[in-house]
N, C-alpha and C. Protein backbone atom coordinates (compact mmCIF):
# COMPACT_ATOMS: atom_id res chain seq x y z
N MET A 1 97.93 126.55 125.12
CA MET A 1 97.81 125.81 123.91
C MET A 1 96.20 125.99 123.37
N ILE A 2 95.92 126.37 122.30
CA ILE A 2 94.49 126.57 121.73
C ILE A 2 93.81 125.42 121.87
N ASN A 3 92.78 125.25 122.08
CA ASN A 3 91.73 123.98 121.97
C ASN A 3 90.83 124.25 120.73
N PRO A 4 91.24 123.62 119.64
CA PRO A 4 90.45 123.86 118.48
C PRO A 4 88.98 123.27 118.72
N LYS A 5 88.62 122.28 119.52
CA LYS A 5 87.26 121.82 119.71
C LYS A 5 86.55 123.02 120.58
N GLN A 6 87.09 123.86 121.47
CA GLN A 6 86.33 124.87 122.12
C GLN A 6 86.25 126.17 121.27
N ILE A 7 87.24 126.36 120.39
CA ILE A 7 86.87 127.36 119.57
C ILE A 7 85.83 127.14 118.55
N VAL A 8 85.67 126.30 117.95
CA VAL A 8 84.54 125.83 117.02
C VAL A 8 83.37 125.80 117.57
N GLY A 9 83.59 125.33 118.84
CA GLY A 9 82.08 125.20 119.70
C GLY A 9 81.52 126.07 119.97
N GLU A 10 82.20 127.41 120.56
CA GLU A 10 81.96 128.46 120.79
C GLU A 10 81.65 129.47 119.44
N LYS A 11 82.30 129.32 118.59
CA LYS A 11 81.77 129.94 117.31
C LYS A 11 80.47 129.77 116.89
N ALA A 12 80.01 128.27 116.71
CA ALA A 12 78.75 127.83 116.37
C ALA A 12 77.66 128.48 117.00
N ALA A 13 78.22 128.64 118.40
CA ALA A 13 76.87 129.29 119.30
C ALA A 13 76.49 130.58 119.07
N GLU A 14 77.31 131.49 118.13
CA GLU A 14 77.16 132.75 117.68
C GLU A 14 75.95 132.59 116.82
N TYR A 15 75.48 131.61 116.14
CA TYR A 15 74.60 131.32 115.32
C TYR A 15 73.00 131.19 115.82
N ILE A 16 73.19 131.08 117.30
CA ILE A 16 71.77 130.75 117.89
C ILE A 16 71.31 132.13 118.25
N LYS A 17 70.04 132.45 117.94
CA LYS A 17 69.26 133.68 117.95
C LYS A 17 68.20 133.64 119.18
N PRO A 18 67.64 134.82 119.90
CA PRO A 18 66.51 134.67 120.59
C PRO A 18 65.42 134.08 120.06
N GLY A 19 64.81 133.15 120.84
CA GLY A 19 63.43 132.61 120.36
C GLY A 19 63.57 131.21 119.36
N MET A 20 64.62 130.89 119.19
CA MET A 20 64.98 129.60 118.56
C MET A 20 64.84 128.45 119.17
N LYS A 21 64.58 127.38 118.41
CA LYS A 21 64.63 126.08 119.08
C LYS A 21 65.55 125.26 118.58
N VAL A 22 66.54 124.83 119.49
CA VAL A 22 68.08 124.43 119.17
C VAL A 22 68.37 122.95 119.33
N GLY A 23 68.83 122.29 118.53
CA GLY A 23 69.24 120.92 118.84
C GLY A 23 70.69 121.10 119.56
N LEU A 24 70.98 120.23 120.43
CA LEU A 24 72.10 120.27 121.16
C LEU A 24 73.02 118.79 120.78
N GLY A 25 74.02 119.11 120.24
CA GLY A 25 74.91 117.67 119.81
C GLY A 25 75.55 116.93 121.03
N THR A 26 76.03 115.91 120.63
CA THR A 26 76.65 115.13 121.50
C THR A 26 78.41 114.73 121.21
N GLY A 27 78.83 114.76 122.10
CA GLY A 27 80.55 114.37 121.87
C GLY A 27 81.25 115.51 122.54
N SER A 28 82.69 115.43 122.17
CA SER A 28 83.75 116.35 123.25
C SER A 28 83.74 117.60 122.20
N THR A 29 83.24 117.89 121.12
CA THR A 29 83.33 119.21 120.48
C THR A 29 81.90 119.88 120.82
N ALA A 30 81.00 119.25 120.60
CA ALA A 30 79.52 119.58 121.07
C ALA A 30 79.38 120.08 122.26
N TYR A 31 80.42 119.72 123.25
CA TYR A 31 80.16 119.65 124.73
C TYR A 31 80.31 121.26 124.99
N PHE A 32 81.37 121.71 124.08
CA PHE A 32 81.72 123.04 124.34
C PHE A 32 80.84 124.28 123.67
N THR A 33 79.68 123.69 122.94
CA THR A 33 78.72 124.55 122.50
C THR A 33 77.72 124.71 123.56
N THR A 34 77.54 123.33 124.06
CA THR A 34 76.75 123.39 125.26
C THR A 34 76.95 124.08 126.58
N LEU A 35 78.00 124.23 126.62
CA LEU A 35 78.63 125.13 127.86
C LEU A 35 78.41 126.56 127.58
N LYS A 36 78.65 126.77 126.24
CA LYS A 36 78.54 128.32 125.82
C LYS A 36 77.08 128.59 125.86
N VAL A 37 76.10 127.58 125.34
CA VAL A 37 74.74 127.99 125.52
C VAL A 37 74.25 128.22 126.96
N GLY A 38 74.93 127.29 127.83
CA GLY A 38 74.48 127.58 129.11
C GLY A 38 74.99 128.88 129.71
N GLN A 39 75.85 129.36 129.44
CA GLN A 39 76.28 130.69 129.47
C GLN A 39 75.29 131.69 129.10
N LEU A 40 75.00 131.65 127.57
CA LEU A 40 74.16 132.49 127.05
C LEU A 40 72.75 132.67 127.73
N VAL A 41 72.28 131.30 128.14
CA VAL A 41 71.03 131.41 128.86
C VAL A 41 71.18 131.94 130.06
N LYS A 42 71.93 131.78 130.84
CA LYS A 42 72.28 132.80 132.37
C LYS A 42 72.21 133.97 132.08
N GLU A 43 72.71 134.28 130.68
CA GLU A 43 72.86 136.04 130.69
C GLU A 43 71.46 136.36 130.03
N GLY A 44 70.51 135.65 129.89
CA GLY A 44 69.18 135.90 129.54
C GLY A 44 68.90 135.49 127.85
N LEU A 45 69.41 134.37 127.38
CA LEU A 45 69.12 134.27 126.01
C LEU A 45 67.58 133.30 126.15
N ASP A 46 66.88 133.56 125.34
CA ASP A 46 65.63 133.05 125.58
C ASP A 46 65.67 131.84 124.37
N ILE A 47 65.75 130.67 124.71
CA ILE A 47 65.58 129.62 123.62
C ILE A 47 65.05 128.31 124.44
N GLN A 48 64.65 127.64 123.53
CA GLN A 48 64.50 126.18 123.79
C GLN A 48 65.27 125.06 123.20
N CYS A 49 65.50 124.02 123.87
CA CYS A 49 66.75 122.90 123.11
C CYS A 49 66.25 121.63 123.31
N VAL A 50 66.73 120.81 122.24
CA VAL A 50 66.46 119.29 122.25
C VAL A 50 67.75 118.60 122.28
N PRO A 51 68.03 117.83 123.39
CA PRO A 51 69.23 117.07 123.41
C PRO A 51 69.47 115.98 122.66
N THR A 52 70.44 115.50 122.20
CA THR A 52 70.52 114.34 121.15
C THR A 52 71.00 113.11 121.81
N SER A 53 71.11 113.27 123.29
CA SER A 53 71.68 112.18 124.09
C SER A 53 71.27 112.30 125.77
N LYS A 54 71.56 111.03 126.33
CA LYS A 54 71.33 111.34 127.66
C LYS A 54 72.00 112.07 128.21
N SER A 55 73.48 111.86 128.04
CA SER A 55 74.85 112.80 128.45
C SER A 55 74.69 114.12 128.01
N THR A 56 74.13 114.49 126.93
CA THR A 56 73.81 115.82 126.72
C THR A 56 72.69 116.54 127.32
N GLU A 57 71.56 115.82 127.31
CA GLU A 57 70.47 115.89 128.41
C GLU A 57 71.01 116.13 129.91
N LYS A 58 71.71 115.58 130.43
CA LYS A 58 72.32 115.64 131.85
C LYS A 58 73.01 117.01 132.13
N LEU A 59 73.96 117.39 131.13
CA LEU A 59 74.80 118.48 131.03
C LEU A 59 73.79 119.71 130.86
N ALA A 60 72.94 119.68 129.87
CA ALA A 60 72.18 120.79 129.84
C ALA A 60 70.98 121.15 131.18
N LYS A 61 70.56 119.95 131.74
CA LYS A 61 69.87 120.17 132.78
C LYS A 61 70.97 120.83 134.06
N GLU A 62 72.07 120.40 134.04
CA GLU A 62 73.14 120.91 135.01
C GLU A 62 73.19 122.54 134.88
N LEU A 63 73.25 122.95 133.56
CA LEU A 63 73.22 124.34 133.19
C LEU A 63 72.17 124.96 133.26
N ASN A 64 71.00 124.48 133.69
CA ASN A 64 69.61 125.13 133.50
C ASN A 64 69.19 125.68 131.99
N ILE A 65 69.63 124.77 131.11
CA ILE A 65 69.27 125.25 129.59
C ILE A 65 67.66 124.73 129.55
N PRO A 66 66.94 125.56 129.14
CA PRO A 66 65.34 125.10 129.14
C PRO A 66 65.42 124.00 127.94
N LEU A 67 64.81 122.68 128.34
CA LEU A 67 64.52 121.45 127.34
C LEU A 67 63.11 121.41 126.93
N ILE A 68 62.86 120.91 125.58
CA ILE A 68 61.66 120.42 125.53
C ILE A 68 61.78 119.06 124.90
N ASP A 69 60.46 118.35 124.85
CA ASP A 69 60.44 117.06 124.18
C ASP A 69 60.45 117.13 122.81
N ILE A 70 61.36 116.26 122.19
CA ILE A 70 61.32 116.29 120.80
C ILE A 70 59.96 115.89 120.16
N ALA A 71 59.15 115.23 121.01
CA ALA A 71 57.84 114.64 120.32
C ALA A 71 56.88 116.13 119.93
N SER A 72 57.42 116.76 120.76
CA SER A 72 56.25 118.07 120.67
C SER A 72 56.86 119.11 119.41
N VAL A 73 57.92 118.72 118.85
CA VAL A 73 58.53 119.88 118.18
C VAL A 73 58.37 119.10 116.58
N ASP A 74 58.27 119.95 115.75
CA ASP A 74 57.96 119.75 114.28
C ASP A 74 59.31 120.14 113.48
N GLU A 75 59.95 121.19 113.90
CA GLU A 75 61.05 121.63 113.31
C GLU A 75 61.90 122.45 114.24
N LEU A 76 63.13 122.31 113.96
CA LEU A 76 64.22 123.04 114.89
C LEU A 76 64.70 124.16 113.91
N ASP A 77 65.18 125.10 114.25
CA ASP A 77 65.75 126.41 113.81
C ASP A 77 67.31 125.77 113.44
N ILE A 78 67.70 125.26 114.51
CA ILE A 78 69.37 125.01 114.26
C ILE A 78 69.79 123.77 115.13
N THR A 79 70.53 123.15 114.75
CA THR A 79 71.31 122.12 115.47
C THR A 79 72.99 122.47 115.21
N ILE A 80 73.54 122.25 116.44
CA ILE A 80 74.87 122.35 116.33
C ILE A 80 75.57 120.85 116.80
N ASP A 81 76.36 120.18 116.21
CA ASP A 81 76.87 118.95 116.50
C ASP A 81 78.29 118.71 115.82
N GLY A 82 78.86 117.59 116.48
CA GLY A 82 80.17 117.40 115.92
C GLY A 82 80.16 116.20 114.92
N ALA A 83 81.38 115.80 114.46
CA ALA A 83 81.30 114.52 113.46
C ALA A 83 82.50 113.87 113.80
N ASP A 84 82.75 112.68 113.22
CA ASP A 84 84.03 112.01 113.30
C ASP A 84 84.69 112.07 111.96
N GLU A 85 84.11 112.25 111.03
CA GLU A 85 84.66 112.47 109.40
C GLU A 85 83.71 113.54 108.54
N VAL A 86 84.28 114.22 107.76
CA VAL A 86 83.43 115.19 107.05
C VAL A 86 84.12 115.06 105.77
N ASP A 87 83.49 114.96 104.58
CA ASP A 87 84.00 114.89 103.15
C ASP A 87 83.98 116.07 102.66
N GLN A 88 84.48 116.25 101.44
CA GLN A 88 84.58 117.41 100.61
C GLN A 88 83.10 117.96 100.24
N ASN A 89 82.16 117.01 100.40
CA ASN A 89 80.62 117.44 100.08
C ASN A 89 79.97 117.40 101.10
N LYS A 90 80.46 117.47 102.24
CA LYS A 90 79.73 117.79 103.61
C LYS A 90 79.11 116.77 103.88
N HIS A 91 79.34 115.31 103.34
CA HIS A 91 78.56 114.36 104.05
C HIS A 91 79.61 113.80 105.41
N LEU A 92 78.99 113.29 106.11
CA LEU A 92 79.41 113.03 107.58
C LEU A 92 79.76 111.34 107.99
N ILE A 93 80.43 111.04 108.70
CA ILE A 93 80.42 109.96 109.53
C ILE A 93 80.15 110.40 110.87
N LYS A 94 79.24 109.76 111.70
CA LYS A 94 79.07 110.05 113.14
C LYS A 94 78.67 108.95 113.76
N GLY A 95 78.56 108.98 115.16
CA GLY A 95 78.47 107.84 116.15
C GLY A 95 79.53 107.35 116.95
N GLY A 96 80.46 108.10 116.72
CA GLY A 96 81.77 107.61 117.74
C GLY A 96 81.23 107.50 119.16
N GLY A 97 80.30 108.59 119.31
CA GLY A 97 79.72 108.68 120.88
C GLY A 97 78.65 107.63 120.86
N ALA A 98 77.98 106.83 119.95
CA ALA A 98 77.02 105.87 119.77
C ALA A 98 75.56 106.43 120.03
N ALA A 99 75.37 107.83 119.68
CA ALA A 99 74.34 108.56 119.56
C ALA A 99 73.86 108.88 118.20
N HIS A 100 74.29 108.46 117.25
CA HIS A 100 73.96 108.71 115.75
C HIS A 100 72.50 108.45 115.25
N THR A 101 71.81 107.70 116.12
CA THR A 101 70.27 107.25 115.44
C THR A 101 69.53 108.68 115.99
N ARG A 102 70.01 109.02 117.08
CA ARG A 102 69.03 110.16 118.06
C ARG A 102 69.59 111.54 117.18
N GLU A 103 70.87 111.55 117.06
CA GLU A 103 71.52 112.73 116.36
C GLU A 103 70.75 112.87 114.86
N LYS A 104 70.69 111.55 114.07
CA LYS A 104 70.09 111.88 112.92
C LYS A 104 68.61 112.09 112.90
N ILE A 105 67.72 111.85 113.85
CA ILE A 105 66.23 112.13 113.97
C ILE A 105 66.35 113.50 114.19
N VAL A 106 67.21 114.17 115.08
CA VAL A 106 67.36 115.54 115.31
C VAL A 106 67.63 116.41 113.98
N ALA A 107 68.59 115.97 113.31
CA ALA A 107 69.16 116.46 112.10
C ALA A 107 68.03 116.70 111.02
N SER A 108 67.29 115.55 111.02
CA SER A 108 66.18 115.37 110.07
C SER A 108 65.04 116.51 110.06
N ILE A 109 64.98 117.24 111.11
CA ILE A 109 64.05 118.21 111.57
C ILE A 109 64.37 119.54 111.36
N THR A 110 65.64 119.64 111.13
CA THR A 110 66.44 120.84 111.55
C THR A 110 66.67 121.73 110.15
N LYS A 111 66.23 122.92 110.30
CA LYS A 111 66.60 123.99 109.10
C LYS A 111 68.06 124.07 108.87
N HIS A 112 68.98 124.61 109.88
CA HIS A 112 70.27 124.81 109.75
C HIS A 112 71.10 123.84 110.59
N TYR A 113 71.74 123.02 109.93
CA TYR A 113 72.40 121.95 110.54
C TYR A 113 74.11 122.12 110.44
N ILE A 114 74.49 122.54 111.66
CA ILE A 114 75.90 123.18 111.59
C ILE A 114 76.78 121.98 112.36
N ILE A 115 77.88 121.65 111.52
CA ILE A 115 78.94 120.72 112.26
C ILE A 115 80.15 121.25 112.52
N ILE A 116 80.64 121.12 113.82
CA ILE A 116 81.84 121.49 114.16
C ILE A 116 83.04 120.56 114.54
N VAL A 117 83.89 120.65 113.75
CA VAL A 117 85.06 119.87 113.91
C VAL A 117 86.53 120.42 113.97
N ASP A 118 87.42 119.79 114.59
CA ASP A 118 88.95 120.24 114.31
C ASP A 118 89.45 119.63 113.09
N GLN A 119 90.47 120.27 112.52
CA GLN A 119 90.67 119.93 110.88
C GLN A 119 91.13 118.51 110.72
N SER A 120 91.59 117.83 111.71
CA SER A 120 91.73 116.48 111.45
C SER A 120 90.74 115.61 110.93
N LYS A 121 89.45 115.98 111.11
CA LYS A 121 88.15 115.40 110.91
C LYS A 121 87.89 115.40 109.28
N LEU A 122 88.67 116.43 108.53
CA LEU A 122 88.31 116.79 107.14
C LEU A 122 89.03 115.83 106.36
N VAL A 123 88.44 115.29 105.37
CA VAL A 123 88.81 113.86 104.69
C VAL A 123 88.26 114.16 103.28
N LYS A 124 89.12 113.66 102.18
CA LYS A 124 88.72 113.75 101.02
C LYS A 124 87.50 112.70 100.58
N THR A 125 87.73 111.53 101.16
CA THR A 125 86.67 110.37 101.04
C THR A 125 86.42 109.74 102.28
N LEU A 126 85.03 109.61 102.84
CA LEU A 126 84.86 109.02 104.06
C LEU A 126 85.53 107.56 104.07
N GLY A 127 85.53 107.07 105.27
CA GLY A 127 85.77 105.51 105.37
C GLY A 127 86.86 105.14 106.41
N THR A 128 88.00 106.22 106.54
CA THR A 128 89.00 105.77 107.48
C THR A 128 88.41 105.44 108.82
N PHE A 129 87.64 106.46 109.39
CA PHE A 129 86.79 106.15 110.59
C PHE A 129 85.95 104.86 110.53
N LYS A 130 85.94 104.10 111.26
CA LYS A 130 84.85 102.82 111.33
C LYS A 130 83.35 103.37 111.49
N LEU A 131 82.75 102.92 110.33
CA LEU A 131 81.21 103.40 110.44
C LEU A 131 80.44 102.65 111.40
N PRO A 132 79.60 103.35 112.41
CA PRO A 132 78.79 102.98 113.43
C PRO A 132 77.56 102.43 112.68
N VAL A 133 76.90 101.28 113.07
CA VAL A 133 75.75 100.93 112.55
C VAL A 133 74.95 100.46 113.90
N GLU A 134 73.80 101.00 113.92
CA GLU A 134 72.98 100.54 115.42
C GLU A 134 72.22 99.18 114.96
N ILE A 135 72.32 98.32 115.68
CA ILE A 135 71.56 97.15 115.56
C ILE A 135 70.74 96.47 116.64
N ILE A 136 69.22 96.22 116.22
CA ILE A 136 68.80 95.37 117.51
C ILE A 136 69.30 94.15 118.03
N PRO A 137 69.53 93.71 119.20
CA PRO A 137 69.94 92.67 119.87
C PRO A 137 69.65 91.41 119.34
N PHE A 138 68.29 91.25 119.01
CA PHE A 138 67.54 89.86 118.12
C PHE A 138 68.34 89.72 117.01
N ALA A 139 68.79 88.27 117.15
CA ALA A 139 69.86 87.90 115.82
C ALA A 139 70.77 88.69 115.17
N LYS A 140 71.41 89.45 116.01
CA LYS A 140 72.29 90.39 115.61
C LYS A 140 73.60 89.96 114.89
N GLU A 141 73.86 88.67 114.77
CA GLU A 141 74.75 87.79 113.93
C GLU A 141 74.33 87.78 112.62
N ILE A 142 73.14 87.64 112.41
CA ILE A 142 72.45 87.44 110.97
C ILE A 142 72.71 88.99 110.55
N SER A 143 72.18 89.95 111.15
CA SER A 143 72.35 91.41 110.70
C SER A 143 73.86 91.70 110.54
N GLN A 144 74.66 91.21 111.25
CA GLN A 144 76.17 91.49 111.08
C GLN A 144 76.75 90.90 109.88
N ARG A 145 76.35 89.77 109.65
CA ARG A 145 76.93 88.95 108.50
C ARG A 145 76.29 89.91 107.19
N GLN A 146 75.04 90.03 107.33
CA GLN A 146 74.37 90.91 106.05
C GLN A 146 75.07 92.17 105.91
N VAL A 147 75.64 93.09 107.00
CA VAL A 147 76.21 94.32 106.93
C VAL A 147 77.45 93.92 105.95
N GLU A 148 78.40 92.75 106.77
CA GLU A 148 79.75 92.68 106.20
C GLU A 148 79.62 92.20 104.85
N ALA A 149 78.43 91.60 104.14
CA ALA A 149 78.57 91.38 102.75
C ALA A 149 78.44 92.26 101.71
N LEU A 150 78.27 93.68 102.59
CA LEU A 150 78.41 95.25 101.51
C LEU A 150 79.82 95.42 101.51
N GLY A 151 80.97 94.69 102.01
CA GLY A 151 82.37 95.05 101.96
C GLY A 151 83.16 95.32 102.98
N CYS A 152 82.85 95.10 104.19
CA CYS A 152 83.46 95.52 105.49
C CYS A 152 83.76 94.27 106.38
N THR A 153 84.69 94.65 107.22
CA THR A 153 84.91 93.88 108.42
C THR A 153 84.37 94.52 109.56
N SER A 154 83.97 93.76 110.89
CA SER A 154 83.37 94.62 111.81
C SER A 154 83.37 93.88 113.08
N ASP A 155 83.29 94.81 114.31
CA ASP A 155 83.30 94.34 115.73
C ASP A 155 82.22 95.08 116.53
N TRP A 156 81.67 94.37 117.11
CA TRP A 156 80.73 94.91 118.47
C TRP A 156 81.44 95.72 118.94
N ARG A 157 80.89 96.92 119.48
CA ARG A 157 81.67 98.03 120.15
C ARG A 157 81.31 97.46 121.64
N LEU A 158 82.41 97.70 122.39
CA LEU A 158 82.47 96.98 123.87
C LEU A 158 82.75 98.28 124.68
N LYS A 159 82.56 98.07 126.07
CA LYS A 159 82.64 99.05 127.16
C LYS A 159 84.00 98.51 127.70
N GLU A 160 84.66 99.53 128.35
CA GLU A 160 86.03 99.33 129.09
C GLU A 160 86.18 98.02 129.99
N ASP A 161 84.85 97.50 130.22
CA ASP A 161 85.12 96.11 131.18
C ASP A 161 84.93 94.95 130.37
N GLY A 162 84.87 95.22 128.77
CA GLY A 162 84.72 94.16 127.91
C GLY A 162 83.27 93.59 127.62
N GLU A 163 82.20 94.36 128.41
CA GLU A 163 80.94 93.93 127.78
C GLU A 163 80.53 94.77 126.73
N ILE A 164 79.56 94.26 126.11
CA ILE A 164 78.94 94.80 124.84
C ILE A 164 78.36 96.38 125.25
N LEU A 165 78.53 97.26 124.41
CA LEU A 165 78.12 98.53 124.76
C LEU A 165 76.53 98.85 124.54
N ILE A 166 75.77 99.08 125.48
CA ILE A 166 74.32 99.38 125.06
C ILE A 166 73.92 101.02 124.53
N SER A 167 73.54 101.10 123.29
CA SER A 167 73.04 102.27 123.09
C SER A 167 72.16 103.30 124.31
N ASP A 168 71.60 104.20 123.98
CA ASP A 168 70.76 104.96 124.46
C ASP A 168 69.32 104.49 124.10
N ASN A 169 69.44 103.73 122.98
CA ASN A 169 67.97 103.14 122.64
C ASN A 169 68.05 101.77 122.90
N GLY A 170 68.92 100.83 123.58
CA GLY A 170 68.73 99.82 124.16
C GLY A 170 69.21 98.72 122.99
N ASN A 171 70.07 99.27 121.97
CA ASN A 171 70.74 98.55 120.98
C ASN A 171 72.23 98.18 120.99
N TYR A 172 72.86 97.54 120.03
CA TYR A 172 74.12 97.27 120.14
C TYR A 172 74.64 98.27 118.74
N ILE A 173 76.05 98.40 119.03
CA ILE A 173 76.62 99.10 118.07
C ILE A 173 77.72 98.48 117.24
N LEU A 174 77.42 98.04 115.91
CA LEU A 174 78.58 97.38 115.14
C LEU A 174 79.64 98.42 114.44
N ASP A 175 80.75 98.32 114.50
CA ASP A 175 81.69 99.28 114.09
C ASP A 175 82.19 98.73 112.88
N CYS A 176 82.25 99.29 111.72
CA CYS A 176 82.32 98.71 110.47
C CYS A 176 83.41 99.20 109.50
N ASN A 177 84.59 98.66 109.04
CA ASN A 177 85.62 99.15 108.47
C ASN A 177 85.53 99.03 107.16
N PHE A 178 84.94 99.81 106.38
CA PHE A 178 84.98 99.79 104.81
C PHE A 178 86.10 100.33 104.25
N HIS A 179 87.17 100.97 105.03
CA HIS A 179 88.28 101.62 104.45
C HIS A 179 87.95 102.91 103.53
N SER A 180 87.27 102.75 102.59
CA SER A 180 86.85 103.82 101.82
C SER A 180 85.56 103.83 101.47
N ILE A 181 84.61 105.15 101.47
CA ILE A 181 83.09 105.00 101.21
C ILE A 181 83.09 106.20 100.14
N PRO A 182 83.49 105.59 98.76
CA PRO A 182 83.22 106.84 97.60
C PRO A 182 81.56 107.19 97.21
N ASP A 183 80.85 106.23 97.59
CA ASP A 183 79.27 106.70 97.37
C ASP A 183 78.50 106.48 98.64
N PRO A 184 78.72 107.44 99.61
CA PRO A 184 78.00 107.27 100.74
C PRO A 184 76.59 107.18 100.66
N ALA A 185 76.07 107.84 99.71
CA ALA A 185 74.46 107.73 99.71
C ALA A 185 73.95 106.35 99.26
N ASN A 186 74.69 105.69 98.55
CA ASN A 186 74.33 104.30 98.15
C ASN A 186 74.82 103.33 99.43
N LEU A 187 75.66 103.57 100.10
CA LEU A 187 75.78 102.66 101.10
C LEU A 187 74.76 102.88 102.07
N ASN A 188 74.52 104.25 102.62
CA ASN A 188 73.51 104.67 103.26
C ASN A 188 72.05 103.63 103.22
N GLN A 189 71.81 103.62 101.99
CA GLN A 189 70.60 103.04 101.40
C GLN A 189 70.62 101.70 101.78
N LYS A 190 71.67 101.10 101.65
CA LYS A 190 71.92 99.58 101.39
C LYS A 190 71.84 99.22 102.94
N LEU A 191 72.61 99.76 103.64
CA LEU A 191 72.58 99.30 105.20
C LEU A 191 71.17 99.51 106.00
N ASN A 192 70.34 100.52 105.58
CA ASN A 192 69.18 100.49 105.97
C ASN A 192 68.17 99.92 105.55
N MET A 193 68.45 99.12 104.43
CA MET A 193 67.46 98.15 103.99
C MET A 193 67.66 96.58 104.71
N ILE A 194 68.69 96.63 105.54
CA ILE A 194 69.00 95.39 106.02
C ILE A 194 67.97 95.32 107.41
N PRO A 195 67.27 94.33 107.65
CA PRO A 195 66.30 93.88 108.53
C PRO A 195 67.31 93.88 109.98
N GLY A 196 67.12 94.51 111.06
CA GLY A 196 67.65 94.56 112.37
C GLY A 196 68.40 95.80 112.43
N VAL A 197 68.78 96.75 111.30
CA VAL A 197 69.70 97.69 111.38
C VAL A 197 68.71 98.72 111.59
N VAL A 198 68.82 99.64 112.74
CA VAL A 198 68.07 100.60 113.09
C VAL A 198 68.67 101.97 112.46
N GLU A 199 69.77 102.10 112.33
CA GLU A 199 70.46 103.55 111.60
C GLU A 199 71.98 103.33 111.78
N ASN A 200 72.16 103.81 110.53
CA ASN A 200 73.87 104.03 110.52
C ASN A 200 74.43 105.41 110.74
N GLY A 201 75.83 105.39 110.63
CA GLY A 201 76.32 106.59 110.87
C GLY A 201 76.83 107.80 109.97
N LEU A 202 76.13 107.38 108.81
CA LEU A 202 76.22 108.26 107.18
C LEU A 202 75.34 109.30 107.30
N PHE A 203 75.72 110.55 107.35
CA PHE A 203 74.71 111.40 107.18
C PHE A 203 75.14 112.37 106.02
N VAL A 204 73.94 111.90 105.11
CA VAL A 204 74.28 112.26 103.64
C VAL A 204 73.52 113.45 103.14
N GLY A 205 74.24 114.76 102.89
CA GLY A 205 73.46 115.82 102.19
C GLY A 205 72.50 116.49 103.55
N MET A 206 73.16 116.23 104.51
CA MET A 206 72.44 116.78 105.49
C MET A 206 72.87 118.40 106.36
N ALA A 207 74.34 118.30 106.45
CA ALA A 207 74.86 119.16 106.96
C ALA A 207 74.71 120.78 106.08
N ASN A 208 74.73 121.79 106.67
CA ASN A 208 74.54 123.00 105.77
C ASN A 208 75.62 123.96 106.11
N THR A 209 76.11 123.79 107.19
CA THR A 209 77.50 124.53 107.45
C THR A 209 78.63 123.97 108.14
N ILE A 210 79.73 123.79 107.94
CA ILE A 210 80.78 123.13 108.42
C ILE A 210 81.92 124.10 109.22
N ILE A 211 82.11 124.27 110.43
CA ILE A 211 82.92 124.97 111.02
C ILE A 211 84.13 123.97 111.54
N SER A 212 85.45 124.28 110.90
CA SER A 212 86.54 123.58 111.41
C SER A 212 87.60 124.64 112.05
N GLY A 213 88.55 124.24 112.99
CA GLY A 213 89.46 124.88 113.52
C GLY A 213 90.79 123.98 113.74
N ASP A 214 91.65 125.03 113.89
CA ASP A 214 93.12 124.31 114.00
C ASP A 214 93.80 124.68 115.35
N GLN A 215 94.97 124.32 115.58
CA GLN A 215 95.49 124.46 116.91
C GLN A 215 96.14 125.75 116.87
N ASN A 216 96.17 126.69 115.97
CA ASN A 216 96.29 128.03 116.11
C ASN A 216 95.38 129.23 116.16
N GLY A 217 94.04 128.51 116.33
CA GLY A 217 92.73 129.13 116.55
C GLY A 217 92.41 129.72 115.14
N HIS A 218 92.92 128.94 113.78
CA HIS A 218 92.39 129.68 112.59
C HIS A 218 91.04 128.81 112.21
N LEU A 219 89.93 129.61 111.83
CA LEU A 219 88.66 129.01 111.80
C LEU A 219 88.47 128.77 110.10
N THR A 220 87.82 127.77 109.64
CA THR A 220 87.30 127.41 108.35
C THR A 220 85.95 127.46 108.21
N ILE A 221 85.11 128.07 107.52
CA ILE A 221 83.78 127.85 107.57
C ILE A 221 83.36 127.72 105.78
N PHE A 222 82.47 126.61 105.71
CA PHE A 222 82.13 126.39 104.41
C PHE A 222 80.65 125.86 104.26
């Protein structure tokens, strides 16, 4: 059976050219891009990369992909990452892997931001997937109540052992069920105005290219 995540992940790697500075995404789809990048580097591709999470950094090092510190970079040529939902306007929900804050920082300095998904992630309106919001531990209950006042129910993300999950940045993730998000730009702004909120998983107007695939190997690029 064809794996659509692998198909789109490898297709996106075709956009990478010698000499580029590249952002490497996080998650089960971006994983295949990183594997492909590792192969291309082994074959002689000269690039420098910035990982969006500790897990991607670990994989990149295992593949001998040249990494650079994001603090030393003003701009990335391209970033390839996955998403949990993509709407018809290319707005996204990300953060299923708890890396959306770092992913958004990387996206913000990227010239060409490519999102790779299987077709199940394409939706008319965002909101079926619970929106991740990263919150500092201090007085987290206050931040939670203020987030819920915007019209959602929420739960703290837990690890398999039942303990609260800690992000790469040392914060907590609040998964918020809004059911439908017809105006992601407005909600994005309101969430990030709440004290204690570090960042949320709405990526509004950031994606340039969406590559989606199905189990038959058919690709859709828009």
